[in-house]
Structure formats: C-alpha cells, structure tokens
C-alpha atoms as a PDB file:
ATOM      1  CA  MET A   1     128.148 147.322  58.555  1.00  0.00           C
ATOM      2  CA  ASP A   2     128.374 143.393  59.200  1.00  0.00           C
ATOM      3  CA  ARG A   3     129.829 142.971  63.097  1.00  0.00           C
ATOM      4  CA  VAL A   4     132.113 139.756  63.504  1.00  0.00           C
ATOM      5  CA  GLY A   5     130.759 136.958  65.095  1.00  0.00           C
ATOM      6  CA  PHE A   6     131.659 133.699  66.894  1.00  0.00           C
ATOM      7  CA  GLU A   7     133.639 131.830  64.414  1.00  0.00           C
ATOM      8  CA  PRO A   8     136.025 134.271  63.449  1.00  0.00           C
ATOM      9  CA  ARG A   9     136.569 135.961  67.069  1.00  0.00           C
ATOM     10  CA  VAL A  10     136.857 132.287  68.684  1.00  0.00           C
ATOM     11  CA  LYS A  11     139.983 131.526  65.791  1.00  0.00           C
ATOM     12  CA  ALA A  12     141.345 134.701  66.523  1.00  0.00           C
ATOM     13  CA  TYR A  13     141.358 133.804  70.196  1.00  0.00           C
ATOM     14  CA  LEU A  14     143.063 130.786  69.424  1.00  0.00           C
ATOM     15  CA  ILE A  15     146.090 132.405  67.646  1.00  0.00           C
ATOM     16  CA  ASP A  16     146.469 134.464  70.924  1.00  0.00           C
ATOM     17  CA  TYR A  17     146.880 132.004  73.044  1.00  0.00           C
ATOM     18  CA  LEU A  18     150.303 130.437  70.654  1.00  0.00           C
ATOM     19  CA  TYR A  19     151.248 133.857  70.518  1.00  0.00           C
ATOM     20  CA  GLN A  20     150.719 133.806  74.457  1.00  0.00           C
ATOM     21  CA  ILE A  21     152.759 130.704  75.146  1.00  0.00           C
ATOM     22  CA  VAL A  22     155.714 132.604  73.318  1.00  0.00           C
ATOM     23  CA  PHE A  23     155.065 135.392  75.098  1.00  0.00           C
ATOM     24  CA  THR A  24     154.798 134.017  78.770  1.00  0.00           C
ATOM     25  CA  ILE A  25     157.787 131.767  77.968  1.00  0.00           C
ATOM     26  CA  PHE A  26     159.957 134.946  76.906  1.00  0.00           C
ATOM     27  CA  VAL A  27     158.568 136.629  79.792  1.00  0.00           C
ATOM     28  CA  THR A  28     159.209 133.810  82.468  1.00  0.00           C
ATOM     29  CA  ILE A  29     162.336 133.417  81.188  1.00  0.00           C
ATOM     30  CA  ILE A  30     163.337 136.835  81.831  1.00  0.00           C
ATOM     31  CA  LEU A  31     162.005 136.948  85.367  1.00  0.00           C
ATOM     32  CA  TRP A  32     164.493 133.886  85.986  1.00  0.00           C
ATOM     33  CA  LEU A  33     167.473 135.148  84.898  1.00  0.00           C
ATOM     34  CA  THR A  34     166.914 138.851  86.310  1.00  0.00           C
ATOM     35  CA  GLY A  35     165.137 136.965  89.147  1.00  0.00           C
ATOM     36  CA  LEU A  36     162.475 139.341  89.621  1.00  0.00           C
ATOM     37  CA  TYR A  37     159.786 137.567  91.027  1.00  0.00           C
ATOM     38  CA  GLY A  38     158.890 136.711  94.455  1.00  0.00           C
ATOM     39  CA  ASP A  39     157.179 134.509  96.979  1.00  0.00           C
ATOM     40  CA  GLY A  40     153.861 136.549  97.786  1.00  0.00           C
ATOM     41  CA  LEU A  41     151.535 133.886  95.770  1.00  0.00           C
ATOM     42  CA  MET A  42     150.825 131.574  98.958  1.00  0.00           C
ATOM     43  CA  SER A  43     150.452 131.614 102.626  1.00  0.00           C
ATOM     44  CA  THR A  44     152.876 130.266 104.700  1.00  0.00           C
ATOM     45  CA  GLU A  45     150.876 127.264 105.379  1.00  0.00           C
ATOM     46  CA  ASP A  46     150.333 126.409 101.914  1.00  0.00           C
ATOM     47  CA  ILE A  47     154.567 127.115 101.522  1.00  0.00           C
ATOM     48  CA  LYS A  48     154.938 124.933 104.591  1.00  0.00           C
ATOM     49  CA  VAL A  49     152.631 122.072 103.295  1.00  0.00           C
ATOM     50  CA  LEU A  50     154.023 122.026  99.781  1.00  0.00           C
ATOM     51  CA  THR A  51     158.135 122.287 100.747  1.00  0.00           C
ATOM     52  CA  ASP A  52     156.931 119.867 103.461  1.00  0.00           C
ATOM     53  CA  SER A  53     155.683 117.236 100.494  1.00  0.00           C
ATOM     54  CA  PHE A  54     158.951 117.643  98.527  1.00  0.00           C
ATOM     55  CA  GLU A  55     160.745 116.312 101.931  1.00  0.00           C
ATOM     56  CA  PRO A  56     160.846 112.351 101.019  1.00  0.00           C
ATOM     57  CA  LEU A  57     162.151 113.064  97.713  1.00  0.00           C
ATOM     58  CA  ASP A  58     165.201 114.795  98.549  1.00  0.00           C
ATOM     59  CA  VAL A  59     164.079 117.310  96.286  1.00  0.00           C
ATOM     60  CA  ASP A  60     165.770 121.279  97.181  1.00  0.00           C
ATOM     61  CA  THR A  61     162.939 123.095  97.931  1.00  0.00           C
ATOM     62  CA  LYS A  62     163.762 126.481  97.679  1.00  0.00           C
ATOM     63  CA  TRP A  63     164.609 125.808  93.857  1.00  0.00           C
ATOM     64  CA  VAL A  64     161.250 123.700  93.203  1.00  0.00           C
ATOM     65  CA  MET A  65     159.419 127.380  95.120  1.00  0.00           C
ATOM     66  CA  ASP A  66     161.898 129.770  92.773  1.00  0.00           C
ATOM     67  CA  ILE A  67     160.649 127.824  89.790  1.00  0.00           C
ATOM     68  CA  PHE A  68     157.335 127.754  90.928  1.00  0.00           C
ATOM     69  CA  TYR A  69     156.864 131.819  91.787  1.00  0.00           C
ATOM     70  CA  CYS A  70     158.552 132.175  88.200  1.00  0.00           C
ATOM     71  CA  ILE A  71     156.713 130.777  86.207  1.00  0.00           C
ATOM     72  CA  THR A  72     153.221 131.706  87.934  1.00  0.00           C
ATOM     73  CA  TYR A  73     154.190 135.186  87.855  1.00  0.00           C
ATOM     74  CA  GLY A  74     155.506 135.088  84.085  1.00  0.00           C
ATOM     75  CA  GLY A  75     152.284 133.718  83.404  1.00  0.00           C
ATOM     76  CA  ILE A  76     150.328 136.237  85.161  1.00  0.00           C
ATOM     77  CA  VAL A  77     152.501 138.891  84.009  1.00  0.00           C
ATOM     78  CA  SER A  78     152.266 138.187  80.526  1.00  0.00           C
ATOM     79  CA  VAL A  79     148.570 138.283  80.445  1.00  0.00           C
ATOM     80  CA  PHE A  80     148.369 141.430  81.357  1.00  0.00           C
ATOM     81  CA  LEU A  81     151.197 142.885  79.426  1.00  0.00           C
ATOM     82  CA  TYR A  82     150.047 140.851  76.373  1.00  0.00           C
ATOM     83  CA  SER A  83     145.965 141.825  76.767  1.00  0.00           C
ATOM     84  CA  LEU A  84     148.003 145.701  76.700  1.00  0.00           C
ATOM     85  CA  ILE A  85     148.580 145.362  72.862  1.00  0.00           C
ATOM     86  CA  GLU A  86     144.694 145.509  72.330  1.00  0.00           C
ATOM     87  CA  ALA A  87     143.829 148.544  74.799  1.00  0.00           C
ATOM     88  CA  ILE A  88     146.431 150.372  72.667  1.00  0.00           C
ATOM     89  CA  SER A  89     146.287 149.400  69.296  1.00  0.00           C
ATOM     90  CA  GLY A  90     142.745 147.948  69.061  1.00  0.00           C
ATOM     91  CA  ALA A  91     143.379 144.825  67.955  1.00  0.00           C
ATOM     92  CA  SER A  92     145.090 142.016  69.224  1.00  0.00           C
ATOM     93  CA  LEU A  93     148.122 140.187  67.631  1.00  0.00           C
ATOM     94  CA  GLY A  94     145.188 137.756  66.827  1.00  0.00           C
ATOM     95  CA  LYS A  95     142.422 139.617  66.004  1.00  0.00           C
ATOM     96  CA  ARG A  96     145.181 141.623  63.381  1.00  0.00           C
ATOM     97  CA  HIS A  97     146.246 138.329  61.908  1.00  0.00           C
ATOM     98  CA  ILE A  98     142.578 137.593  60.709  1.00  0.00           C
ATOM     99  CA  GLY A  99     141.726 141.175  60.061  1.00  0.00           C
ATOM    100  CA  LEU A 100     139.634 142.236  62.601  1.00  0.00           C
ATOM    101  CA  ILE A 101     139.411 145.665  64.467  1.00  0.00           C
ATOM    102  CA  ILE A 102     137.443 146.916  67.131  1.00  0.00           C
ATOM    103  CA  GLY A 103     135.120 150.088  66.937  1.00  0.00           C
ATOM    104  CA  TYR A 104     132.142 151.649  68.230  1.00  0.00           C
ATOM    105  CA  GLU A 105     129.018 149.517  68.294  1.00  0.00           C
ATOM    106  CA  ASP A 106     127.143 152.322  65.508  1.00  0.00           C
ATOM    107  CA  GLY A 107     130.543 151.404  63.205  1.00  0.00           C
ATOM    108  CA  ARG A 108     132.477 154.434  64.233  1.00  0.00           C
ATOM    109  CA  GLU A 109     136.190 153.690  64.019  1.00  0.00           C
ATOM    110  CA  GLY A 110     137.480 152.938  67.754  1.00  0.00           C
ATOM    111  CA  ASP A 111     139.877 155.354  69.542  1.00  0.00           C
ATOM    112  CA  LEU A 112     141.928 155.200  72.352  1.00  0.00           C
ATOM    113  CA  SER A 113     139.069 155.540  75.219  1.00  0.00           C
ATOM    114  CA  LEU A 114     137.266 152.791  74.074  1.00  0.00           C
ATOM    115  CA  PHE A 115     139.893 150.342  73.447  1.00  0.00           C
ATOM    116  CA  ILE A 116     141.094 150.857  76.947  1.00  0.00           C
ATOM    117  CA  SER A 117     137.485 151.028  78.600  1.00  0.00           C
ATOM    118  CA  ARG A 118     136.770 147.774  76.704  1.00  0.00           C
ATOM    119  CA  TRP A 119     140.411 146.303  77.639  1.00  0.00           C
ATOM    120  CA  ALA A 120     139.621 146.622  81.359  1.00  0.00           C
ATOM    121  CA  VAL A 121     136.055 145.425  81.332  1.00  0.00           C
ATOM    122  CA  LYS A 122     137.107 142.246  79.287  1.00  0.00           C
ATOM    123  CA  ASN A 123     140.145 141.366  81.517  1.00  0.00           C
ATOM    124  CA  ILE A 124     138.739 142.806  85.430  1.00  0.00           C
ATOM    125  CA  SER A 125     139.983 138.869  86.132  1.00  0.00           C
ATOM    126  CA  HIS A 126     143.376 139.347  85.147  1.00  0.00           C
ATOM    127  CA  LEU A 127     143.297 142.793  86.733  1.00  0.00           C
ATOM    128  CA  MET A 128     142.362 141.667  89.916  1.00  0.00           C
ATOM    129  CA  LYS A 129     144.887 138.611  90.127  1.00  0.00           C
ATOM    130  CA  PHE A 130     147.499 141.231  88.870  1.00  0.00           C
ATOM    131  CA  ALA A 131     146.168 143.394  92.244  1.00  0.00           C
ATOM    132  CA  MET A 132     146.298 140.160  94.262  1.00  0.00           C
ATOM    133  CA  ILE A 133     149.761 139.851  92.989  1.00  0.00           C
ATOM    134  CA  ILE A 134     150.856 143.584  94.391  1.00  0.00           C
ATOM    135  CA  SER A 135     148.624 143.762  97.673  1.00  0.00           C
ATOM    136  CA  GLY A 136     148.797 140.046  98.636  1.00  0.00           C
ATOM    137  CA  MET A 137     145.224 140.046  99.491  1.00  0.00           C
ATOM    138  CA  PHE A 138     143.886 136.665  98.371  1.00  0.00           C
ATOM    139  CA  ILE A 139     140.764 137.091  98.219  1.00  0.00           C
ATOM    140  CA  LEU A 140     141.335 139.536  95.071  1.00  0.00           C
ATOM    141  CA  GLN A 141     142.115 136.003  93.084  1.00  0.00           C
ATOM    142  CA  THR A 142     138.743 134.408  94.417  1.00  0.00           C
ATOM    143  CA  ALA A 143     137.030 137.600  92.763  1.00  0.00           C
ATOM    144  CA  GLY A 144     139.053 137.485  89.833  1.00  0.00           C
ATOM    145  CA  ASP A 145     137.988 133.656  89.268  1.00  0.00           C
ATOM    146  CA  ILE A 146     134.329 134.818  89.702  1.00  0.00           C
ATOM    147  CA  LEU A 147     134.539 137.376  87.145  1.00  0.00           C
ATOM    148  CA  ASN A 148     136.421 135.352  84.749  1.00  0.00           C
ATOM    149  CA  LEU A 149     133.636 132.929  84.840  1.00  0.00           C
ATOM    150  CA  ILE A 150     130.932 135.589  84.269  1.00  0.00           C
ATOM    151  CA  MET A 151     133.439 136.989  81.423  1.00  0.00           C
ATOM    152  CA  PHE A 152     133.708 133.951  80.045  1.00  0.00           C
ATOM    153  CA  GLY A 153     130.092 133.236  80.036  1.00  0.00           C
ATOM    154  CA  GLY A 154     129.524 136.684  78.350  1.00  0.00           C
ATOM    155  CA  CYS A 155     131.363 135.696  75.608  1.00  0.00           C
ATOM    156  CA  PHE A 156     128.740 133.392  74.187  1.00  0.00           C
ATOM    157  CA  MET A 157     126.750 136.739  73.856  1.00  0.00           C
ATOM    158  CA  MET A 158     128.330 137.170  70.098  1.00  0.00           C
ATOM    159  CA  LEU A 159     126.284 133.795  69.187  1.00  0.00           C
ATOM    160  CA  MET A 160     123.176 136.393  69.252  1.00  0.00           C
ATOM    161  CA  SER A 161     121.882 138.747  66.400  1.00  0.00           C
ATOM    162  CA  ALA A 162     123.858 142.167  67.977  1.00  0.00           C
ATOM    163  CA  LYS A 163     127.146 139.297  67.946  1.00  0.00           C
ATOM    164  CA  GLN A 164     128.782 141.351  70.734  1.00  0.00           C
ATOM    165  CA  ALA A 165     129.976 139.956  73.710  1.00  0.00           C
ATOM    166  CA  LEU A 166     129.122 141.230  77.436  1.00  0.00           C
ATOM    167  CA  HIS A 167     132.273 142.943  77.181  1.00  0.00           C
ATOM    168  CA  ASP A 168     131.329 144.702  74.026  1.00  0.00           C
ATOM    169  CA  LYS A 169     127.800 145.281  74.943  1.00  0.00           C
ATOM    170  CA  VAL A 170     129.100 147.291  78.549  1.00  0.00           C
ATOM    171  CA  VAL A 171     131.325 149.597  76.419  1.00  0.00           C
ATOM    172  CA  MET A 172     129.565 149.806  73.343  1.00  0.00           C
ATOM    173  CA  SER A 173     131.713 148.292  71.189  1.00  0.00           C
ATOM    174  CA  ALA A 174     131.758 145.632  68.580  1.00  0.00           C
ATOM    175  CA  VAL A 175     134.162 143.832  65.979  1.00  0.00           C
ATOM    176  CA  TYR A 176     134.673 144.185  62.529  1.00  0.00           C
ATOM    177  CA  TYR A 177     136.590 142.959  59.358  1.00  0.00           C
ATOM    178  CA  SER A 178     139.346 145.558  59.409  1.00  0.00           C
ATOM    179  CA  GLU A 179     138.705 145.824  55.104  1.00  0.00           C
ATOM    180  CA  SER A 180     135.033 147.297  56.037  1.00  0.00           C
ATOM    181  CA  GLU A 181     134.541 150.876  55.562  1.00  0.00           C
ATOM    182  CA  VAL A 182     134.720 151.999  59.136  1.00  0.00           C
ATOM    183  CA  GLU A 183     133.039 155.460  59.405  1.00  0.00           C
ATOM    184  CA  LEU A 184     135.933 158.229  60.260  1.00  0.00           C
ATOM    185  CA  LEU A 185     135.408 160.273  63.628  1.00  0.00           C
END
C-alpha cells in the first residue's frame, strides 16, 4: 500500500489552516463574550512597557490589553482543541477533505493509541505553550518554539522515500489515502 507524500499532506495542512482560522474566530468570540481569558501571558514589566506606549494615544489600555489577551488565548486554545480532531479520529478535517487517513507504518489501520501518541509528538510545541498558560512559566514558550522548529524541519522528511515526517517516524505511523485497502487489525 502506498504512503502519501509531501504534496497531498501540504494541501491538507492548508485546508486545515483555513478551517482553523474560522474555528479560532469562533473560540475568540466565545472567550470575549464569556470573559474566560486571563492576563498571565506577559510579565509585569512587559505589561508596563506596553501600557506606557499607549498613553500618548489616549487609548483605554485595559481594553487594548483585554483584546490582546483574548485573541492570544483564543489562538492558543483553538489550535489545541482543533488538533484534538486528528488525535481522536485519525485524520484532521483537512486530511478528511482530501481523503487521507493515519495508519501504522506497516499498513495496518490506526487505532486511538496511535492517533494520540502521534498527536502528542506532532503537537509538542502547542502542548508546551498550553502548559505555559496554565503554569505561567514563560520558559515553556521558548522550549515550545524550539520544538516547533524541530517538528517543522521534520516535516520535510516526507520528501524521502519512506514518506514519513519526523512525528510519523517516532510513533511508527504513516498517512494513506482512505480509499486504500487498509489491513484491519
């Protein structure tokens, strides 16, 4: 059974990006309406510098900071929640849109444990940022950014003959067309 390589997966990613924009707007509006966003994304010194820069503009700095926090939290939370679709179902909306599914590298149909482990490795940078929000430890964002660069670079491994990204190699998964006959467990 043939694995899916770089081009179809990039197309799926771009479709996911569009879905995610809509989802992020939706989540951000919900956060704004409910007030379920916080102010733990910046240090006190950074907040002071930012609010001082708004003083000459005669702008309500609390309102500006609330918008900043709401949009930032909305983005982080929506990326995390949207990514769970793939963790639970074995394919993101973009993958499903073009007929892709995640399975084991030997061609067997994937299961929940494969989907979740692949999701955790693939989204380690988002998990670090989510942990940063919860803990307030800003170093986790830096660690997440470094891991994001590693995962991004690992995506180009799909260009190799195995057609597996770094996160696929780590958990021994691969991406196939869903029309393919995937061997049942």
